[in-house]
Amino acid sequence: MACLSPLQLQKFQEDGFLVLEGFLSVDECEAMKQRIGEIVAEMDVPPHCRIEFSTQHEEQLQAQGSTNYFLSSGDKIRFFFEKGVLDNKGNFLVPPEKSVNKIGHALHAHDPVFRSVTHSPKVQALARSLGLQMPVVVQSMYIFKQPHFGGEASPHQDASFLYTEPLGRVLGMWMALEDATLENGCLWFIPGSHTSGVSRRMIRAPAGSWPATSFIGAEPDWDRSLFVPTPVQKGALVLIHGEVVHKSEQNLSDHSRQAYTFHLMEATGTVWSPENWLQPTAELPFPALYT
């Protein structure tokens, strides 16, 4: 089972991230890639919902925040697109399967393949070895990082969007379904950057008010030299502390960098911020990881 050694646990606590190579088998990776291919082939997105996804601050507020499609995606399987793949009427300029930036945010709940990976015995064992008592799954995403134009993820902390009180209760599990290299946009981290709180928060406005989301605080101008590249092989799992600063560059290579990622929250003694964009719903309360 996937239990962490004391040394690995110490490294995660010091750095705020940890690479576990070989966590998934090739077959497990291929099953997810095959399933996502089927989901994309069946994709029927109304043109008015074809919003372009960006992590740049202003575009984030404008494109995501202003649209109900994003804000109501927490309990659904929905599609978000790369920049420049749609014309101004929402028609595809490239093949649809090459246009998707990510699919979110409830694959873990609604798709049997992704549900079984998320709740797999080895993921549960890993969570237990991290000391999680009552972890719940708050969201999941399939990230495509398309060749030639897969968008960058600018430096951020996951807890900016998934805020809890106290902090330190959110954990990302990022699974590489293809090799992640320097060329195709692997993750970069600032080791040890998870210990000084959160620099900004994305807040959801009360229903009906405008803009629908806003940011409190600002992302510091992080020193680029502090980031450490973290290339991993297909099948690797990267543990990501909710407050560690990380990014990925644009993918200008010929190869995609597909990944499945989901976030856990330790529910014991934790308050999920009612101001987070993502909220549990009557249809989908945050499911317990342990089955």
C-alpha atoms as a PDB file:
ATOM      1  CA  MET A   1       0.000   0.000   0.000  1.00  0.00           C
ATOM      2  CA  ALA A   2       1.037   3.568  -0.597  1.00  0.00           C
ATOM      3  CA  CYS A   3       2.147   4.576   2.874  1.00  0.00           C
ATOM      4  CA  LEU A   4       4.689   7.331   3.325  1.00  0.00           C
ATOM      5  CA  SER A   5       7.945   6.645   5.137  1.00  0.00           C
ATOM      6  CA  PRO A   6       8.866   8.994   8.018  1.00  0.00           C
ATOM      7  CA  LEU A   7      11.487  10.549   5.715  1.00  0.00           C
ATOM      8  CA  GLN A   8       8.918  11.216   2.965  1.00  0.00           C
ATOM      9  CA  LEU A   9       6.498  12.683   5.511  1.00  0.00           C
ATOM     10  CA  GLN A  10       9.228  14.973   6.800  1.00  0.00           C
ATOM     11  CA  LYS A  11      10.121  16.088   3.274  1.00  0.00           C
ATOM     12  CA  PHE A  12       6.478  16.888   2.498  1.00  0.00           C
ATOM     13  CA  GLN A  13       6.169  18.881   5.714  1.00  0.00           C
ATOM     14  CA  GLU A  14       9.353  20.829   4.919  1.00  0.00           C
ATOM     15  CA  ASP A  15       8.779  21.475   1.196  1.00  0.00           C
ATOM     16  CA  GLY A  16       4.978  21.560   0.918  1.00  0.00           C
ATOM     17  CA  PHE A  17       5.030  19.064  -1.948  1.00  0.00           C
ATOM     18  CA  LEU A  18       6.223  15.515  -2.537  1.00  0.00           C
ATOM     19  CA  VAL A  19       6.725  13.394  -5.667  1.00  0.00           C
ATOM     20  CA  LEU A  20       5.753   9.715  -5.549  1.00  0.00           C
ATOM     21  CA  GLU A  21       6.932   8.136  -8.801  1.00  0.00           C
ATOM     22  CA  GLY A  22       5.171   5.001 -10.001  1.00  0.00           C
ATOM     23  CA  PHE A  23       2.037   5.553  -7.915  1.00  0.00           C
ATOM     24  CA  LEU A  24      -0.237   4.584 -10.823  1.00  0.00           C
ATOM     25  CA  SER A  25       0.311   1.713 -13.228  1.00  0.00           C
ATOM     26  CA  VAL A  26       0.426   2.324 -16.976  1.00  0.00           C
ATOM     27  CA  ASP A  27      -2.947   0.562 -17.222  1.00  0.00           C
ATOM     28  CA  GLU A  28      -4.501   2.901 -14.665  1.00  0.00           C
ATOM     29  CA  CYS A  29      -3.212   5.917 -16.587  1.00  0.00           C
ATOM     30  CA  GLU A  30      -4.497   4.558 -19.886  1.00  0.00           C
ATOM     31  CA  ALA A  31      -7.937   3.783 -18.441  1.00  0.00           C
ATOM     32  CA  MET A  32      -8.355   7.421 -17.391  1.00  0.00           C
ATOM     33  CA  LYS A  33      -7.079   8.737 -20.719  1.00  0.00           C
ATOM     34  CA  GLN A  34      -9.421   6.437 -22.610  1.00  0.00           C
ATOM     35  CA  ARG A  35     -12.395   7.435 -20.460  1.00  0.00           C
ATOM     36  CA  ILE A  36     -11.687  11.148 -20.871  1.00  0.00           C
ATOM     37  CA  GLY A  37     -11.508  10.607 -24.637  1.00  0.00           C
ATOM     38  CA  GLU A  38     -15.020   9.181 -24.517  1.00  0.00           C
ATOM     39  CA  ILE A  39     -16.274  12.074 -22.384  1.00  0.00           C
ATOM     40  CA  VAL A  40     -14.785  14.637 -24.795  1.00  0.00           C
ATOM     41  CA  ALA A  41     -16.219  12.782 -27.816  1.00  0.00           C
ATOM     42  CA  GLU A  42     -19.671  13.074 -26.237  1.00  0.00           C
ATOM     43  CA  MET A  43     -19.140  16.734 -25.294  1.00  0.00           C
ATOM     44  CA  ASP A  44     -22.053  18.951 -26.234  1.00  0.00           C
ATOM     45  CA  VAL A  45     -21.339  22.436 -24.987  1.00  0.00           C
ATOM     46  CA  PRO A  46     -23.795  25.200 -25.803  1.00  0.00           C
ATOM     47  CA  PRO A  47     -21.889  27.979 -27.597  1.00  0.00           C
ATOM     48  CA  HIS A  48     -22.882  30.598 -25.016  1.00  0.00           C
ATOM     49  CA  CYS A  49     -21.175  28.440 -22.389  1.00  0.00           C
ATOM     50  CA  ARG A  50     -17.902  28.159 -24.279  1.00  0.00           C
ATOM     51  CA  ILE A  51     -15.929  30.420 -22.002  1.00  0.00           C
ATOM     52  CA  GLU A  52     -12.173  30.626 -22.351  1.00  0.00           C
ATOM     53  CA  PHE A  53     -10.237  29.680 -19.254  1.00  0.00           C
ATOM     54  CA  SER A  54      -7.350  31.805 -17.987  1.00  0.00           C
ATOM     55  CA  THR A  55      -5.428  32.207 -14.762  1.00  0.00           C
ATOM     56  CA  GLN A  56      -4.496  35.810 -15.420  1.00  0.00           C
ATOM     57  CA  HIS A  57      -6.078  37.917 -12.683  1.00  0.00           C
ATOM     58  CA  GLU A  58      -8.331  40.230 -14.709  1.00  0.00           C
ATOM     59  CA  GLU A  59      -9.384  37.629 -17.238  1.00  0.00           C
ATOM     60  CA  GLN A  60     -10.153  35.261 -14.402  1.00  0.00           C
ATOM     61  CA  LEU A  61     -12.623  37.676 -12.891  1.00  0.00           C
ATOM     62  CA  GLN A  62     -14.150  38.605 -16.215  1.00  0.00           C
ATOM     63  CA  ALA A  63     -14.395  35.223 -17.899  1.00  0.00           C
ATOM     64  CA  GLN A  64     -15.010  32.836 -15.004  1.00  0.00           C
ATOM     65  CA  GLY A  65     -16.576  35.068 -12.453  1.00  0.00           C
ATOM     66  CA  SER A  66     -19.073  36.605 -14.823  1.00  0.00           C
ATOM     67  CA  THR A  67     -20.406  33.287 -15.939  1.00  0.00           C
ATOM     68  CA  ASN A  68     -22.694  30.964 -14.146  1.00  0.00           C
ATOM     69  CA  TYR A  69     -21.294  28.043 -16.131  1.00  0.00           C
ATOM     70  CA  PHE A  70     -18.081  28.120 -14.102  1.00  0.00           C
ATOM     71  CA  LEU A  71     -19.632  29.023 -10.765  1.00  0.00           C
ATOM     72  CA  SER A  72     -22.193  26.232 -10.951  1.00  0.00           C
ATOM     73  CA  SER A  73     -19.709  23.553 -12.071  1.00  0.00           C
ATOM     74  CA  GLY A  74     -18.760  22.306  -8.604  1.00  0.00           C
ATOM     75  CA  ASP A  75     -21.171  19.377  -8.718  1.00  0.00           C
ATOM     76  CA  LYS A  76     -21.048  18.730 -12.479  1.00  0.00           C
ATOM     77  CA  ILE A  77     -18.776  17.589 -15.308  1.00  0.00           C
ATOM     78  CA  ARG A  78     -18.122  20.704 -17.390  1.00  0.00           C
ATOM     79  CA  PHE A  79     -15.699  21.820 -20.079  1.00  0.00           C
ATOM     80  CA  PHE A  80     -13.344  24.817 -20.089  1.00  0.00           C
ATOM     81  CA  PHE A  81     -11.367  25.841 -23.133  1.00  0.00           C
ATOM     82  CA  GLU A  82      -7.945  27.125 -24.101  1.00  0.00           C
ATOM     83  CA  LYS A  83      -7.420  30.688 -25.240  1.00  0.00           C
ATOM     84  CA  GLY A  84      -7.692  31.269 -28.959  1.00  0.00           C
ATOM     85  CA  VAL A  85      -9.504  28.043 -29.868  1.00  0.00           C
ATOM     86  CA  LEU A  86     -12.927  29.673 -30.319  1.00  0.00           C
ATOM     87  CA  ASP A  87     -14.078  32.505 -32.524  1.00  0.00           C
ATOM     88  CA  ASN A  88     -16.105  35.325 -30.983  1.00  0.00           C
ATOM     89  CA  LYS A  89     -19.299  33.365 -31.575  1.00  0.00           C
ATOM     90  CA  GLY A  90     -18.035  30.339 -29.667  1.00  0.00           C
ATOM     91  CA  ASN A  91     -17.317  28.142 -32.673  1.00  0.00           C
ATOM     92  CA  PHE A  92     -14.248  25.908 -32.636  1.00  0.00           C
ATOM     93  CA  LEU A  93     -11.217  26.999 -34.658  1.00  0.00           C
ATOM     94  CA  VAL A  94      -9.390  23.736 -33.877  1.00  0.00           C
ATOM     95  CA  PRO A  95     -10.755  20.200 -33.404  1.00  0.00           C
ATOM     96  CA  PRO A  96     -12.846  20.149 -30.207  1.00  0.00           C
ATOM     97  CA  GLU A  97     -10.707  17.449 -28.583  1.00  0.00           C
ATOM     98  CA  LYS A  98      -7.654  19.724 -28.972  1.00  0.00           C
ATOM     99  CA  SER A  99      -9.497  22.726 -27.548  1.00  0.00           C
ATOM    100  CA  VAL A 100     -10.218  21.672 -23.974  1.00  0.00           C
ATOM    101  CA  ASN A 101      -8.100  23.199 -21.191  1.00  0.00           C
ATOM    102  CA  LYS A 102      -9.720  21.234 -18.380  1.00  0.00           C
ATOM    103  CA  ILE A 103     -12.808  19.362 -17.287  1.00  0.00           C
ATOM    104  CA  GLY A 104     -14.194  20.091 -13.818  1.00  0.00           C
ATOM    105  CA  HIS A 105     -15.147  19.901 -11.119  1.00  0.00           C
ATOM    106  CA  ALA A 106     -16.946  16.669 -10.152  1.00  0.00           C
ATOM    107  CA  LEU A 107     -15.513  13.807 -12.216  1.00  0.00           C
ATOM    108  CA  HIS A 108     -14.756  12.123  -8.895  1.00  0.00           C
ATOM    109  CA  ALA A 109     -18.466  11.961  -8.086  1.00  0.00           C
ATOM    110  CA  HIS A 110     -20.144  11.373 -11.433  1.00  0.00           C
ATOM    111  CA  ASP A 111     -17.810   9.142 -13.427  1.00  0.00           C
ATOM    112  CA  PRO A 112     -17.139   5.556 -12.282  1.00  0.00           C
ATOM    113  CA  VAL A 113     -13.577   5.433 -13.656  1.00  0.00           C
ATOM    114  CA  PHE A 114     -12.504   8.618 -11.864  1.00  0.00           C
ATOM    115  CA  ARG A 115     -14.484   7.759  -8.752  1.00  0.00           C
ATOM    116  CA  SER A 116     -12.663   4.448  -8.410  1.00  0.00           C
ATOM    117  CA  VAL A 117      -9.243   6.099  -8.835  1.00  0.00           C
ATOM    118  CA  THR A 118     -10.081   8.853  -6.340  1.00  0.00           C
ATOM    119  CA  HIS A 119     -11.282   6.385  -3.700  1.00  0.00           C
ATOM    120  CA  SER A 120      -8.784   3.641  -4.552  1.00  0.00           C
ATOM    121  CA  PRO A 121      -7.290   1.664  -1.652  1.00  0.00           C
ATOM    122  CA  LYS A 122      -3.850   3.166  -2.310  1.00  0.00           C
ATOM    123  CA  VAL A 123      -5.170   6.747  -2.231  1.00  0.00           C
ATOM    124  CA  GLN A 124      -6.998   5.969   1.020  1.00  0.00           C
ATOM    125  CA  ALA A 125      -3.841   4.386   2.475  1.00  0.00           C
ATOM    126  CA  LEU A 126      -1.804   7.444   1.449  1.00  0.00           C
ATOM    127  CA  ALA A 127      -4.302   9.788   3.110  1.00  0.00           C
ATOM    128  CA  ARG A 128      -4.212   7.708   6.295  1.00  0.00           C
ATOM    129  CA  SER A 129      -0.417   7.791   6.357  1.00  0.00           C
ATOM    130  CA  LEU A 130      -0.646  11.597   6.142  1.00  0.00           C
ATOM    131  CA  GLY A 131      -2.772  11.502   9.286  1.00  0.00           C
ATOM    132  CA  LEU A 132      -6.046  12.560   7.651  1.00  0.00           C
ATOM    133  CA  GLN A 133      -8.926  11.512   9.894  1.00  0.00           C
ATOM    134  CA  MET A 134     -12.001  12.514   7.915  1.00  0.00           C
ATOM    135  CA  PRO A 135     -10.916  13.647   4.451  1.00  0.00           C
ATOM    136  CA  VAL A 136     -13.611  14.715   1.998  1.00  0.00           C
ATOM    137  CA  VAL A 137     -13.194  15.286  -1.752  1.00  0.00           C
ATOM    138  CA  VAL A 138     -13.973  18.912  -2.612  1.00  0.00           C
ATOM    139  CA  GLN A 139     -13.226  18.989  -6.329  1.00  0.00           C
ATOM    140  CA  SER A 140     -11.501  17.233  -9.204  1.00  0.00           C
ATOM    141  CA  MET A 141     -10.119  18.327 -12.561  1.00  0.00           C
ATOM    142  CA  TYR A 142      -8.755  16.685 -15.667  1.00  0.00           C
ATOM    143  CA  ILE A 143      -6.094  18.982 -17.119  1.00  0.00           C
ATOM    144  CA  PHE A 144      -5.086  18.495 -20.759  1.00  0.00           C
ATOM    145  CA  LYS A 145      -2.201  20.927 -21.254  1.00  0.00           C
ATOM    146  CA  GLN A 146      -2.640  20.673 -25.030  1.00  0.00           C
ATOM    147  CA  PRO A 147       0.416  20.640 -27.328  1.00  0.00           C
ATOM    148  CA  HIS A 148       1.520  24.000 -28.796  1.00  0.00           C
ATOM    149  CA  PHE A 149      -0.905  26.171 -26.833  1.00  0.00           C
ATOM    150  CA  GLY A 150      -1.694  24.521 -23.507  1.00  0.00           C
ATOM    151  CA  GLY A 151      -2.030  27.552 -21.260  1.00  0.00           C
ATOM    152  CA  GLU A 152       0.233  28.460 -18.363  1.00  0.00           C
ATOM    153  CA  ALA A 153      -0.939  28.370 -14.760  1.00  0.00           C
ATOM    154  CA  SER A 154       0.480  31.508 -13.180  1.00  0.00           C
ATOM    155  CA  PRO A 155       1.957  31.273  -9.645  1.00  0.00           C
ATOM    156  CA  HIS A 156      -0.779  30.566  -7.101  1.00  0.00           C
ATOM    157  CA  GLN A 157      -1.753  28.784  -3.904  1.00  0.00           C
ATOM    158  CA  ASP A 158      -4.685  26.383  -4.091  1.00  0.00           C
ATOM    159  CA  ALA A 159      -6.016  27.698  -0.766  1.00  0.00           C
ATOM    160  CA  SER A 160      -6.629  31.074  -2.451  1.00  0.00           C
ATOM    161  CA  PHE A 161      -9.592  29.359  -4.097  1.00  0.00           C
ATOM    162  CA  LEU A 162     -10.235  26.583  -1.544  1.00  0.00           C
ATOM    163  CA  TYR A 163      -9.984  28.508   1.722  1.00  0.00           C
ATOM    164  CA  THR A 164     -10.460  26.912   5.113  1.00  0.00           C
ATOM    165  CA  GLU A 165     -10.266  27.920   8.745  1.00  0.00           C
ATOM    166  CA  PRO A 166      -7.845  26.947  10.043  1.00  0.00           C
ATOM    167  CA  LEU A 167      -5.524  26.871   7.060  1.00  0.00           C
ATOM    168  CA  GLY A 168      -3.482  23.764   6.292  1.00  0.00           C
ATOM    169  CA  ARG A 169      -6.483  21.498   5.796  1.00  0.00           C
ATOM    170  CA  VAL A 170      -6.471  21.250   1.981  1.00  0.00           C
ATOM    171  CA  LEU A 171      -4.318  18.799   0.043  1.00  0.00           C
ATOM    172  CA  GLY A 172      -3.992  18.331  -3.706  1.00  0.00           C
ATOM    173  CA  MET A 173      -3.292  14.945  -5.275  1.00  0.00           C
ATOM    174  CA  TRP A 174      -1.952  15.508  -8.803  1.00  0.00           C
ATOM    175  CA  MET A 175      -1.598  12.422 -10.998  1.00  0.00           C
ATOM    176  CA  ALA A 176       0.544  12.498 -14.134  1.00  0.00           C
ATOM    177  CA  LEU A 177      -1.189  10.483 -16.858  1.00  0.00           C
ATOM    178  CA  GLU A 178       1.640  11.355 -19.273  1.00  0.00           C
ATOM    179  CA  ASP A 179       5.255  12.362 -18.688  1.00  0.00           C
ATOM    180  CA  ALA A 180       5.454  15.949 -17.413  1.00  0.00           C
ATOM    181  CA  THR A 181       8.666  17.541 -18.709  1.00  0.00           C
ATOM    182  CA  LEU A 182      10.326  20.935 -18.821  1.00  0.00           C
ATOM    183  CA  GLU A 183       9.189  21.175 -22.441  1.00  0.00           C
ATOM    184  CA  ASN A 184       5.506  20.323 -22.010  1.00  0.00           C
ATOM    185  CA  GLY A 185       4.746  22.319 -18.873  1.00  0.00           C
ATOM    186  CA  CYS A 186       5.642  20.376 -15.716  1.00  0.00           C
ATOM    187  CA  LEU A 187       4.854  21.786 -12.274  1.00  0.00           C
ATOM    188  CA  TRP A 188       7.231  24.231 -10.550  1.00  0.00           C
ATOM    189  CA  PHE A 189       7.230  24.823  -6.783  1.00  0.00           C
ATOM    190  CA  ILE A 190       8.748  27.222  -4.268  1.00  0.00           C
ATOM    191  CA  PRO A 191       9.862  24.735  -1.585  1.00  0.00           C
ATOM    192  CA  GLY A 192       8.811  25.771   1.912  1.00  0.00           C
ATOM    193  CA  SER A 193       6.396  28.454   0.697  1.00  0.00           C
ATOM    194  CA  HIS A 194       3.442  26.792   2.447  1.00  0.00           C
ATOM    195  CA  THR A 195       4.143  28.173   5.919  1.00  0.00           C
ATOM    196  CA  SER A 196       3.263  31.864   5.704  1.00  0.00           C
ATOM    197  CA  GLY A 197      -0.459  31.923   5.008  1.00  0.00           C
ATOM    198  CA  VAL A 198      -2.358  32.911   1.895  1.00  0.00           C
ATOM    199  CA  SER A 199      -1.610  36.114  -0.014  1.00  0.00           C
ATOM    200  CA  ARG A 200      -4.943  36.432  -1.816  1.00  0.00           C
ATOM    201  CA  ARG A 201      -8.403  34.929  -1.778  1.00  0.00           C
ATOM    202  CA  MET A 202     -11.047  34.580  -4.434  1.00  0.00           C
ATOM    203  CA  ILE A 203     -14.396  35.492  -2.900  1.00  0.00           C
ATOM    204  CA  ARG A 204     -17.813  34.671  -4.280  1.00  0.00           C
ATOM    205  CA  ALA A 205     -20.246  37.574  -4.119  1.00  0.00           C
ATOM    206  CA  PRO A 206     -23.761  37.118  -2.723  1.00  0.00           C
ATOM    207  CA  ALA A 207     -26.147  35.689  -5.318  1.00  0.00           C
ATOM    208  CA  GLY A 208     -27.278  38.264  -7.842  1.00  0.00           C
ATOM    209  CA  SER A 209     -24.549  40.816  -7.186  1.00  0.00           C
ATOM    210  CA  TRP A 210     -21.868  41.873  -9.658  1.00  0.00           C
ATOM    211  CA  PRO A 211     -19.082  41.025 -10.245  1.00  0.00           C
ATOM    212  CA  ALA A 212     -19.807  37.450  -9.231  1.00  0.00           C
ATOM    213  CA  THR A 213     -16.305  36.962  -7.799  1.00  0.00           C
ATOM    214  CA  SER A 214     -13.521  39.219  -6.603  1.00  0.00           C
ATOM    215  CA  PHE A 215     -10.051  38.903  -5.108  1.00  0.00           C
ATOM    216  CA  ILE A 216      -8.981  40.041  -1.659  1.00  0.00           C
ATOM    217  CA  GLY A 217      -5.254  40.741  -1.486  1.00  0.00           C
ATOM    218  CA  ALA A 218      -2.854  40.226  -4.378  1.00  0.00           C
ATOM    219  CA  GLU A 219      -0.466  37.571  -5.607  1.00  0.00           C
ATOM    220  CA  PRO A 220       3.053  38.751  -4.750  1.00  0.00           C
ATOM    221  CA  ASP A 221       5.547  39.170  -7.564  1.00  0.00           C
ATOM    222  CA  TRP A 222       7.294  35.916  -6.733  1.00  0.00           C
ATOM    223  CA  ASP A 223      11.036  35.720  -7.367  1.00  0.00           C
ATOM    224  CA  ARG A 224      11.302  33.454 -10.412  1.00  0.00           C
ATOM    225  CA  SER A 225      14.611  32.044  -9.195  1.00  0.00           C
ATOM    226  CA  LEU A 226      12.886  30.470  -6.180  1.00  0.00           C
ATOM    227  CA  PHE A 227      10.846  28.066  -8.329  1.00  0.00           C
ATOM    228  CA  VAL A 228      12.126  24.503  -8.669  1.00  0.00           C
ATOM    229  CA  PRO A 229      10.990  22.504 -11.731  1.00  0.00           C
ATOM    230  CA  THR A 230       9.411  19.155 -10.922  1.00  0.00           C
ATOM    231  CA  PRO A 231       9.364  16.930 -14.007  1.00  0.00           C
ATOM    232  CA  VAL A 232       7.768  13.536 -13.338  1.00  0.00           C
ATOM    233  CA  GLN A 233       7.085  10.356 -15.251  1.00  0.00           C
ATOM    234  CA  LYS A 234       3.711   8.997 -16.284  1.00  0.00           C
ATOM    235  CA  GLY A 235       2.096   7.370 -13.259  1.00  0.00           C
ATOM    236  CA  ALA A 236       3.636   9.732 -10.703  1.00  0.00           C
ATOM    237  CA  LEU A 237       1.584  11.315  -7.939  1.00  0.00           C
ATOM    238  CA  VAL A 238       2.503  14.780  -6.661  1.00  0.00           C
ATOM    239  CA  LEU A 239       1.190  15.748  -3.228  1.00  0.00           C
ATOM    240  CA  ILE A 240       0.498  19.491  -3.081  1.00  0.00           C
ATOM    241  CA  HIS A 241      -0.048  21.326   0.206  1.00  0.00           C
ATOM    242  CA  GLY A 242      -2.895  23.841  -0.098  1.00  0.00           C
ATOM    243  CA  GLU A 243      -0.601  26.810   0.570  1.00  0.00           C
ATOM    244  CA  VAL A 244       2.531  25.904  -1.396  1.00  0.00           C
ATOM    245  CA  VAL A 245       3.207  28.339  -4.265  1.00  0.00           C
ATOM    246  CA  HIS A 246       3.327  26.579  -7.620  1.00  0.00           C
ATOM    247  CA  LYS A 247       2.922  27.234 -11.338  1.00  0.00           C
ATOM    248  CA  SER A 248       3.313  25.635 -14.734  1.00  0.00           C
ATOM    249  CA  GLU A 249       4.499  27.150 -17.999  1.00  0.00           C
ATOM    250  CA  GLN A 250       2.741  27.140 -21.338  1.00  0.00           C
ATOM    251  CA  ASN A 251       3.124  23.931 -23.327  1.00  0.00           C
ATOM    252  CA  LEU A 252       4.860  24.779 -26.599  1.00  0.00           C
ATOM    253  CA  SER A 253       5.951  21.189 -27.256  1.00  0.00           C
ATOM    254  CA  ASP A 254       4.390  18.571 -29.542  1.00  0.00           C
ATOM    255  CA  HIS A 255       3.175  16.481 -26.577  1.00  0.00           C
ATOM    256  CA  SER A 256       0.233  16.997 -24.250  1.00  0.00           C
ATOM    257  CA  ARG A 257       0.733  16.795 -20.480  1.00  0.00           C
ATOM    258  CA  GLN A 258      -2.491  15.257 -19.232  1.00  0.00           C
ATOM    259  CA  ALA A 259      -3.127  15.009 -15.508  1.00  0.00           C
ATOM    260  CA  TYR A 260      -5.953  14.120 -13.148  1.00  0.00           C
ATOM    261  CA  THR A 261      -6.010  16.086  -9.932  1.00  0.00           C
ATOM    262  CA  PHE A 262      -8.322  16.302  -6.967  1.00  0.00           C
ATOM    263  CA  HIS A 263      -8.385  18.133  -3.655  1.00  0.00           C
ATOM    264  CA  LEU A 264      -9.055  16.738  -0.216  1.00  0.00           C
ATOM    265  CA  MET A 265     -10.060  18.644   2.901  1.00  0.00           C
ATOM    266  CA  GLU A 266      -9.599  17.328   6.422  1.00  0.00           C
ATOM    267  CA  ALA A 267     -13.170  17.851   7.618  1.00  0.00           C
ATOM    268  CA  THR A 268     -12.476  17.259  11.315  1.00  0.00           C
ATOM    269  CA  GLY A 269     -12.432  20.632  13.076  1.00  0.00           C
ATOM    270  CA  THR A 270     -12.395  22.560   9.798  1.00  0.00           C
ATOM    271  CA  VAL A 271     -14.674  25.269   8.437  1.00  0.00           C
ATOM    272  CA  TRP A 272     -14.975  25.428   4.629  1.00  0.00           C
ATOM    273  CA  SER A 273     -15.242  29.127   3.848  1.00  0.00           C
ATOM    274  CA  PRO A 274     -18.800  30.105   2.837  1.00  0.00           C
ATOM    275  CA  GLU A 275     -17.118  32.697   0.588  1.00  0.00           C
ATOM    276  CA  ASN A 276     -15.347  30.103  -1.595  1.00  0.00           C
ATOM    277  CA  TRP A 277     -16.603  29.956  -5.194  1.00  0.00           C
ATOM    278  CA  LEU A 278     -17.064  26.193  -4.808  1.00  0.00           C
ATOM    279  CA  GLN A 279     -19.736  25.081  -2.360  1.00  0.00           C
ATOM    280  CA  PRO A 280     -21.172  21.679  -1.512  1.00  0.00           C
ATOM    281  CA  THR A 281     -24.730  21.303  -2.783  1.00  0.00           C
ATOM    282  CA  ALA A 282     -27.744  19.279  -1.742  1.00  0.00           C
ATOM    283  CA  GLU A 283     -27.130  17.107  -4.814  1.00  0.00           C
ATOM    284  CA  LEU A 284     -23.432  16.700  -4.010  1.00  0.00           C
ATOM    285  CA  PRO A 285     -22.236  17.167  -0.445  1.00  0.00           C
ATOM    286  CA  PHE A 286     -18.457  16.716  -0.304  1.00  0.00           C
ATOM    287  CA  PRO A 287     -18.061  12.897  -0.353  1.00  0.00           C
ATOM    288  CA  ALA A 288     -15.951  11.153   2.292  1.00  0.00           C
ATOM    289  CA  LEU A 289     -12.712   9.738   0.867  1.00  0.00           C
ATOM    290  CA  TYR A 290     -12.732   6.674   3.109  1.00  0.00           C
ATOM    291  CA  THR A 291     -15.193   4.039   1.951  1.00  0.00           C
END
